[in-house]
């Protein structure tokens, strides 16, 4: 696996250019350009993503990529979640630590087969530094789901299909209609998949069986649901639901900004998003602004609600809370990072374990504090 590190340029058949925040790789094998115009296309890859340069669509073109993405190459040998989606177990956790280890071993992460669009499996949270698929520290369990998917841009398929349709219509002097086009498209996708690049994404989750919650390091509900579904498939049972509160987060955040004060050791930051409650209402995004200013208060008086708000908690971490109870842009402050560095020493595994332990115990304090600030946890009747 290789990681896109930056924008490259140079002579030869392959070059890179940066466009709209993405690194696009353009392969131009001179021996194929004239005969196959559809080969000229872009691979759009986000900076920091990974690809596997097996056999690209463009035959012998070789990408100029360097550096493996692995925990062994991380400059920051620590474990701090950057986003949080929190789920609550509605029953006691139905598996033990040893049972979880055995379950995850049955669904280990693996590469995509030639005709697979993606695979999901469990990998080791500490990468090559540990063979454990479940890392345990002070009663907290850390797991990591790896998704590998083949990158086949729609523009590539569209251009290849257009070339094929044009060839048939010119050769047979007839029109290619929708049903035949759909069949041709499926054939093109199946022929290109084995030669497409692959990209991997790793999603971490922390389970606290004693307190009955699981926190996923993602702001994407789809990715979190993928992880929970895979965990449910492996363990046979996973009675979880999203963390719910008694008062809508938007209502609470709006009131906090109006009063310029938040409860439960929370402090209001200087970023927020204001949204009109009407169907076609506008959105105002404020960054590095005094939220107690007359301008912000005027928007609130006009009926807008706070849909996202930057908050700081106990001077330990800051985060952006949205109206769906998602915590984004989570940043653990230097106080905790310094403590982890001191406790972990010079060994990388010890550093990872120390940071994970401190992060998890901090979440154990944050979750009840945040739910109390939002009117308390809303527990369904009968649970």
Protein backbone atom coordinates (compact mmCIF):
# COMPACT_ATOMS: atom_id res chain seq x y z
CA UNK A 1 0.00 0.00 0.00
CA UNK A 2 1.24 3.49 -0.79
CA UNK A 3 0.21 6.88 0.38
CA UNK A 4 -0.29 10.08 -1.60
CA UNK A 5 2.16 12.47 0.04
CA UNK A 6 2.06 15.49 -2.22
CA UNK A 7 1.94 16.94 -5.70
CA UNK A 8 4.57 15.68 -8.12
CA UNK A 9 5.55 16.65 -11.65
CA UNK A 10 8.12 15.41 -14.12
CA UNK A 11 8.88 14.12 -17.57
CA UNK A 12 7.81 10.75 -18.90
CA UNK A 13 4.46 9.08 -19.27
CA UNK A 14 3.12 9.79 -15.80
CA UNK A 15 2.63 13.03 -13.98
CA UNK A 16 0.62 14.42 -11.09
CA UNK A 17 -1.23 17.65 -10.68
CA UNK A 18 -3.28 19.09 -7.86
CA UNK A 19 -6.82 20.18 -8.65
CA UNK A 20 -9.52 21.37 -6.23
CA UNK A 21 -7.93 19.69 -3.24
CA UNK A 22 -7.35 16.36 -4.94
CA UNK A 23 -4.26 14.81 -6.45
CA UNK A 24 -5.12 13.64 -9.95
CA UNK A 25 -2.87 11.07 -11.59
CA UNK A 26 -2.91 11.19 -15.39
CA UNK A 27 -1.43 8.20 -17.20
CA UNK A 28 -0.49 8.72 -20.82
CA UNK A 29 1.21 5.64 -22.29
CA UNK A 30 2.22 6.94 -25.73
CA UNK A 31 1.76 3.56 -27.40
CA UNK A 32 -1.93 3.46 -26.44
CA UNK A 33 -3.06 7.08 -26.67
CA UNK A 34 -3.82 7.11 -30.38
CA UNK A 35 -5.83 3.90 -30.43
CA UNK A 36 -7.62 4.22 -27.07
CA UNK A 37 -8.75 7.71 -26.21
CA UNK A 38 -10.63 6.43 -23.19
CA UNK A 39 -7.34 5.60 -21.48
CA UNK A 40 -6.76 9.30 -20.93
CA UNK A 41 -8.47 9.97 -17.65
CA UNK A 42 -7.85 11.09 -14.12
CA UNK A 43 -7.64 9.11 -10.93
CA UNK A 44 -8.93 11.39 -8.14
CA UNK A 45 -7.31 10.55 -4.82
CA UNK A 46 -7.60 12.53 -1.62
CA UNK A 47 -4.30 13.56 -0.01
CA UNK A 48 -3.41 10.97 2.61
CA UNK A 49 -5.42 8.18 0.98
CA UNK A 50 -3.81 4.91 -0.01
CA UNK A 51 -3.77 2.94 -3.23
CA UNK A 52 -2.33 -0.38 -4.28
CA UNK A 53 -0.34 -0.13 -7.53
CA UNK A 54 -1.09 -3.64 -8.74
CA UNK A 55 -2.01 -3.49 -12.44
CA UNK A 56 -3.56 -0.15 -13.30
CA UNK A 57 -5.99 0.18 -16.18
CA UNK A 58 -3.32 1.89 -18.22
CA UNK A 59 -1.26 -1.26 -18.74
CA UNK A 60 2.37 -0.54 -17.94
CA UNK A 61 1.99 2.97 -16.50
CA UNK A 62 3.64 3.11 -13.05
CA UNK A 63 2.55 5.75 -10.50
CA UNK A 64 5.22 7.90 -8.84
CA UNK A 65 4.15 7.28 -5.26
CA UNK A 66 6.29 6.95 -2.17
CA UNK A 67 6.00 5.92 1.49
CA UNK A 68 3.87 3.21 3.00
CA UNK A 69 0.89 4.09 5.17
CA UNK A 70 1.43 2.11 8.32
CA UNK A 71 1.54 2.80 12.03
CA UNK A 72 5.26 2.20 11.89
CA UNK A 73 5.61 5.36 9.80
CA UNK A 74 3.38 7.56 11.90
CA UNK A 75 5.06 10.66 13.23
CA UNK A 76 2.42 10.87 15.96
CA UNK A 77 2.54 7.54 17.80
CA UNK A 78 -0.65 8.20 19.76
CA UNK A 79 -4.33 7.30 19.57
CA UNK A 80 -6.76 10.23 19.75
CA UNK A 81 -10.16 10.10 18.05
CA UNK A 82 -10.92 13.06 15.78
CA UNK A 83 -14.68 12.51 15.52
CA UNK A 84 -17.25 10.80 17.71
CA UNK A 85 -20.49 8.97 17.05
CA UNK A 86 -21.68 7.50 20.34
CA UNK A 87 -23.94 4.47 20.69
CA UNK A 88 -25.51 3.02 23.81
CA UNK A 89 -25.92 -0.70 24.55
CA UNK A 90 -29.58 -1.34 25.37
CA UNK A 91 -28.59 -4.54 27.20
CA UNK A 92 -25.43 -5.74 28.92
CA UNK A 93 -22.64 -6.28 26.40
CA UNK A 94 -23.42 -9.78 25.07
CA UNK A 95 -19.83 -10.96 24.66
CA UNK A 96 -16.67 -11.13 26.71
CA UNK A 97 -13.24 -9.92 25.73
CA UNK A 98 -12.11 -13.41 24.71
CA UNK A 99 -15.34 -14.00 22.76
CA UNK A 100 -14.82 -10.70 20.92
CA UNK A 101 -11.25 -11.66 20.04
CA UNK A 102 -12.41 -15.01 18.62
CA UNK A 103 -15.24 -13.34 16.68
CA UNK A 104 -13.02 -10.76 15.02
CA UNK A 105 -10.47 -13.39 14.02
CA UNK A 106 -13.16 -15.03 11.90
CA UNK A 107 -13.54 -11.88 9.78
CA UNK A 108 -9.99 -10.64 9.31
CA UNK A 109 -9.40 -7.86 6.80
CA UNK A 110 -8.32 -9.07 3.37
CA UNK A 111 -7.62 -7.59 -0.07
CA UNK A 112 -10.34 -7.34 -2.70
CA UNK A 113 -10.65 -10.27 -5.06
CA UNK A 114 -10.48 -9.47 -8.76
CA UNK A 115 -14.24 -8.97 -9.15
CA UNK A 116 -15.02 -7.48 -5.73
CA UNK A 117 -15.79 -3.79 -5.41
CA UNK A 118 -14.91 -3.71 -1.70
CA UNK A 119 -14.19 -5.81 1.38
CA UNK A 120 -14.70 -5.21 5.10
CA UNK A 121 -12.77 -6.90 7.88
CA UNK A 122 -10.98 -6.41 11.18
CA UNK A 123 -7.38 -5.33 11.37
CA UNK A 124 -4.96 -4.77 14.24
CA UNK A 125 -5.46 -1.30 15.78
CA UNK A 126 -1.71 -0.90 16.34
CA UNK A 127 -0.76 -2.01 12.84
CA UNK A 128 2.43 -4.04 12.57
CA UNK A 129 3.33 -3.27 16.17
CA UNK A 130 0.81 -5.78 17.53
CA UNK A 131 -1.00 -8.89 16.33
CA UNK A 132 -4.03 -8.22 18.56
CA UNK A 133 -7.30 -7.38 16.84
CA UNK A 134 -8.61 -6.17 20.20
CA UNK A 135 -6.44 -3.87 22.29
CA UNK A 136 -7.45 -3.75 25.95
CA UNK A 137 -6.55 -1.08 28.48
CA UNK A 138 -8.18 -0.34 31.84
CA UNK A 139 -11.39 -2.07 30.82
CA UNK A 140 -11.70 -0.34 27.44
CA UNK A 141 -11.55 -2.28 24.17
CA UNK A 142 -10.20 -0.81 20.95
CA UNK A 143 -11.09 -2.37 17.59
CA UNK A 144 -10.39 -1.32 14.00
CA UNK A 145 -12.34 -2.05 10.82
CA UNK A 146 -10.53 -1.85 7.51
CA UNK A 147 -12.38 -1.27 4.28
CA UNK A 148 -10.64 -1.89 0.99
CA UNK A 149 -12.41 -0.71 -2.15
CA UNK A 150 -11.57 -0.58 -5.81
CA UNK A 151 -11.45 2.89 -7.30
CA UNK A 152 -13.26 2.94 -10.62
CA UNK A 153 -14.27 6.53 -11.46
CA UNK A 154 -17.60 6.92 -13.18
CA UNK A 155 -15.99 9.12 -15.83
CA UNK A 156 -13.74 6.22 -16.87
CA UNK A 157 -16.68 3.85 -17.28
CA UNK A 158 -18.71 6.51 -19.09
CA UNK A 159 -15.95 7.23 -21.59
CA UNK A 160 -15.23 3.55 -22.19
CA UNK A 161 -18.94 2.91 -22.74
CA UNK A 162 -19.20 5.78 -25.20
CA UNK A 163 -16.26 4.36 -27.16
CA UNK A 164 -17.84 0.89 -27.25
CA UNK A 165 -21.26 2.21 -28.30
CA UNK A 166 -19.68 4.30 -31.05
CA UNK A 167 -17.74 1.29 -32.29
CA UNK A 168 -20.87 -0.90 -32.48
CA UNK A 169 -23.01 1.74 -34.13
CA UNK A 170 -20.37 2.45 -36.77
CA UNK A 171 -19.65 -1.23 -37.40
CA UNK A 172 -23.24 -2.51 -37.51
CA UNK A 173 -25.00 0.68 -38.72
CA UNK A 174 -27.60 0.44 -35.99
CA UNK A 175 -28.66 2.21 -32.78
CA UNK A 176 -27.58 0.87 -29.38
CA UNK A 177 -30.54 1.17 -27.00
CA UNK A 178 -30.72 1.33 -23.20
CA UNK A 179 -30.94 -2.38 -22.42
CA UNK A 180 -27.87 -3.16 -24.52
CA UNK A 181 -26.04 -0.12 -23.12
CA UNK A 182 -26.67 -1.36 -19.58
CA UNK A 183 -25.28 -4.79 -20.49
CA UNK A 184 -22.21 -3.21 -22.10
CA UNK A 185 -21.68 -1.05 -19.04
CA UNK A 186 -21.74 -4.10 -16.74
CA UNK A 187 -19.24 -5.88 -18.98
CA UNK A 188 -16.92 -2.85 -18.96
CA UNK A 189 -17.07 -2.56 -15.17
CA UNK A 190 -16.29 -6.25 -14.73
CA UNK A 191 -13.36 -6.03 -17.17
CA UNK A 192 -11.88 -2.95 -15.50
CA UNK A 193 -12.29 -3.98 -11.85
CA UNK A 194 -9.37 -6.44 -11.71
CA UNK A 195 -6.99 -3.72 -12.93
CA UNK A 196 -8.33 -0.85 -10.82
CA UNK A 197 -6.41 0.65 -7.91
CA UNK A 198 -7.56 -0.12 -4.38
CA UNK A 199 -7.93 2.28 -1.48
CA UNK A 200 -8.08 1.43 2.23
CA UNK A 201 -9.82 3.20 5.09
CA UNK A 202 -9.51 2.25 8.74
CA UNK A 203 -12.25 3.11 11.24
CA UNK A 204 -11.61 2.77 14.97
CA UNK A 205 -14.11 2.17 17.76
CA UNK A 206 -13.79 2.18 21.54
CA UNK A 207 -16.04 -0.11 23.59
CA UNK A 208 -16.63 0.43 27.29
CA UNK A 209 -18.47 -2.71 28.47
CA UNK A 210 -18.70 -1.54 32.09
CA UNK A 211 -20.57 1.65 31.14
CA UNK A 212 -22.36 0.24 28.12
CA UNK A 213 -21.27 2.51 25.28
CA UNK A 214 -19.34 2.32 22.05
CA UNK A 215 -17.74 5.37 20.39
CA UNK A 216 -16.84 5.30 16.70
CA UNK A 217 -14.11 7.57 15.36
CA UNK A 218 -16.10 8.90 12.42
CA UNK A 219 -18.50 11.71 11.53
CA UNK A 220 -20.06 9.53 8.83
CA UNK A 221 -23.13 7.64 10.02
CA UNK A 222 -22.76 5.30 7.05
CA UNK A 223 -19.21 4.32 8.03
CA UNK A 224 -20.22 3.86 11.67
CA UNK A 225 -23.14 1.67 10.65
CA UNK A 226 -20.80 -0.40 8.48
CA UNK A 227 -18.62 -1.03 11.53
CA UNK A 228 -21.57 -1.87 13.79
CA UNK A 229 -23.13 -4.16 11.17
CA UNK A 230 -19.85 -6.02 10.74
CA UNK A 231 -19.47 -6.32 14.51
CA UNK A 232 -23.04 -7.60 14.77
CA UNK A 233 -22.37 -10.15 12.03
CA UNK A 234 -19.27 -11.43 13.82
CA UNK A 235 -20.65 -11.56 17.37
CA UNK A 236 -24.20 -12.64 16.52
CA UNK A 237 -25.78 -9.90 18.64
CA UNK A 238 -25.16 -6.18 19.09
CA UNK A 239 -28.05 -4.43 20.89
CA UNK A 240 -27.01 -0.82 20.40
CA UNK A 241 -28.82 2.42 19.54
CA UNK A 242 -27.59 5.95 18.95
CA UNK A 243 -27.16 7.99 22.11
CA UNK A 244 -30.31 10.09 22.60
CA UNK A 245 -31.00 13.10 24.82
CA UNK A 246 -34.23 14.59 26.21
CA UNK A 247 -33.84 18.05 24.70
CA UNK A 248 -32.97 18.57 21.03
CA UNK A 249 -29.32 19.64 20.70
CA UNK A 250 -30.29 22.53 18.38
CA UNK A 251 -32.67 23.94 21.01
CA UNK A 252 -30.04 23.70 23.74
CA UNK A 253 -27.25 25.22 21.65
CA UNK A 254 -29.51 28.07 20.54
CA UNK A 255 -30.34 28.87 24.16
CA UNK A 256 -26.67 28.71 25.16
CA UNK A 257 -25.65 31.18 22.48
CA UNK A 258 -28.54 33.50 23.34
CA UNK A 259 -27.46 33.53 26.98
CA UNK A 260 -23.74 33.35 26.12
CA UNK A 261 -23.34 30.58 28.66
CA UNK A 262 -23.28 26.80 28.54
CA UNK A 263 -23.74 24.37 31.47
CA UNK A 264 -21.78 21.35 32.70
CA UNK A 265 -18.27 22.82 32.45
CA UNK A 266 -18.79 23.60 28.76
CA UNK A 267 -17.50 26.80 27.23
CA UNK A 268 -18.81 28.32 24.01
CA UNK A 269 -16.23 28.69 21.25
CA UNK A 270 -16.11 31.10 18.33
CA UNK A 271 -17.49 28.89 15.52
CA UNK A 272 -21.11 28.08 14.83
CA UNK A 273 -23.65 27.38 12.11
CA UNK A 274 -27.05 29.06 12.16
CA UNK A 275 -29.87 27.52 10.17
CA UNK A 276 -33.32 28.82 9.34
CA UNK A 277 -36.03 26.38 10.44
CA UNK A 278 -38.13 26.88 7.29
CA UNK A 279 -37.82 24.36 4.47
CA UNK A 280 -35.96 26.71 2.14
CA UNK A 281 -34.25 28.67 4.89
CA UNK A 282 -30.74 30.00 4.70
CA UNK A 283 -27.59 28.96 6.53
CA UNK A 284 -25.06 31.27 8.19
CA UNK A 285 -21.61 29.90 9.06
CA UNK A 286 -19.50 31.87 11.51
CA UNK A 287 -15.81 31.30 12.18
CA UNK A 288 -13.59 33.09 14.66
CA UNK A 289 -16.43 35.39 15.66
CA UNK A 290 -17.78 36.60 18.97
CA UNK A 291 -21.05 34.68 19.23
CA UNK A 292 -22.39 37.15 21.78
CA UNK A 293 -22.27 39.97 19.20
CA UNK A 294 -25.40 41.85 18.11
CA UNK A 295 -25.10 40.38 14.61
CA UNK A 296 -25.42 36.79 15.88
CA UNK A 297 -28.19 37.70 18.31
CA UNK A 298 -30.10 39.35 15.46
CA UNK A 299 -30.06 36.11 13.48
CA UNK A 300 -31.33 34.21 16.51
CA UNK A 301 -34.09 36.77 17.09
CA UNK A 302 -35.14 36.28 13.47
CA UNK A 303 -35.78 32.59 14.18
CA UNK A 304 -32.56 30.88 13.18
CA UNK A 305 -31.33 27.98 15.31
CA UNK A 306 -27.79 26.88 16.11
CA UNK A 307 -27.18 23.65 14.19
CA UNK A 308 -23.45 23.39 14.97
CA UNK A 309 -21.46 24.90 17.80
CA UNK A 310 -17.81 24.78 18.80
CA UNK A 311 -17.46 23.89 22.48
CA UNK A 312 -14.67 23.33 24.97
CA UNK A 313 -15.07 20.96 27.91
CA UNK A 314 -13.08 21.21 31.15
CA UNK A 315 -10.11 22.58 29.22
CA UNK A 316 -9.44 18.96 28.27
CA UNK A 317 -10.87 18.83 24.77
CA UNK A 318 -12.78 20.88 22.23
CA UNK A 319 -15.26 19.74 19.60
CA UNK A 320 -17.96 20.88 17.22
CA UNK A 321 -21.37 19.56 18.28
CA UNK A 322 -24.12 19.32 15.66
CA UNK A 323 -27.88 18.90 15.88
CA UNK A 324 -27.59 15.13 15.33
CA UNK A 325 -25.34 14.73 18.40
CA UNK A 326 -22.24 14.15 16.28
CA UNK A 327 -18.94 15.42 17.65
CA UNK A 328 -16.62 16.63 14.91
CA UNK A 329 -13.16 18.21 14.92
CA UNK A 330 -12.43 16.68 18.31
CA UNK A 331 -9.15 17.95 19.71
CA UNK A 332 -7.68 16.69 22.96
CA UNK A 333 -5.74 19.49 24.58
CA UNK A 334 -2.02 19.55 25.36
CA UNK A 335 -2.69 18.81 29.03
CA UNK A 336 -3.84 15.29 28.16
CA UNK A 337 -1.30 14.80 25.38
CA UNK A 338 1.56 15.73 27.69
CA UNK A 339 0.24 13.32 30.31
CA UNK A 340 0.12 10.51 27.74
CA UNK A 341 3.64 11.28 26.56
CA UNK A 342 4.94 11.23 30.12
CA UNK A 343 3.14 7.98 30.97
CA UNK A 344 4.08 6.25 27.73
CA UNK A 345 7.80 6.83 27.77
CA UNK A 346 9.86 6.21 24.64
CA UNK A 347 8.28 2.94 23.50
CA UNK A 348 5.73 3.35 20.68
CA UNK A 349 3.35 0.67 21.95
CA UNK A 350 3.40 2.26 25.39
CA UNK A 351 2.68 5.66 23.85
CA UNK A 352 -0.27 4.25 21.93
CA UNK A 353 -1.62 2.49 25.00
CA UNK A 354 -1.18 5.54 27.24
CA UNK A 355 -2.96 7.88 24.85
CA UNK A 356 -5.79 5.38 24.29
CA UNK A 357 -6.26 4.92 28.04
CA UNK A 358 -6.40 8.65 28.73
CA UNK A 359 -8.68 9.30 25.77
CA UNK A 360 -11.10 6.56 26.83
CA UNK A 361 -11.29 7.64 30.46
CA UNK A 362 -11.87 11.22 29.30
CA UNK A 363 -14.78 10.03 27.14
CA UNK A 364 -16.22 8.26 30.19
CA UNK A 365 -16.34 11.65 31.91
CA UNK A 366 -17.50 13.61 28.87
CA UNK A 367 -20.49 11.47 27.84
CA UNK A 368 -22.58 11.88 31.05
CA UNK A 369 -21.56 15.53 31.32
CA UNK A 370 -22.69 16.25 27.76
CA UNK A 371 -25.95 14.33 28.09
CA UNK A 372 -26.77 16.19 31.32
CA UNK A 373 -26.17 19.50 29.56
CA UNK A 374 -28.70 18.40 26.93
CA UNK A 375 -31.42 17.56 29.43
CA UNK A 376 -30.25 14.06 30.34
CA UNK A 377 -30.15 10.81 28.41
CA UNK A 378 -33.40 9.75 26.80
CA UNK A 379 -33.75 6.03 27.52
CA UNK A 380 -36.62 4.32 25.67
CA UNK A 381 -39.27 2.74 27.88
CA UNK A 382 -38.80 -0.93 28.47
CA UNK A 383 -35.02 -0.74 28.05
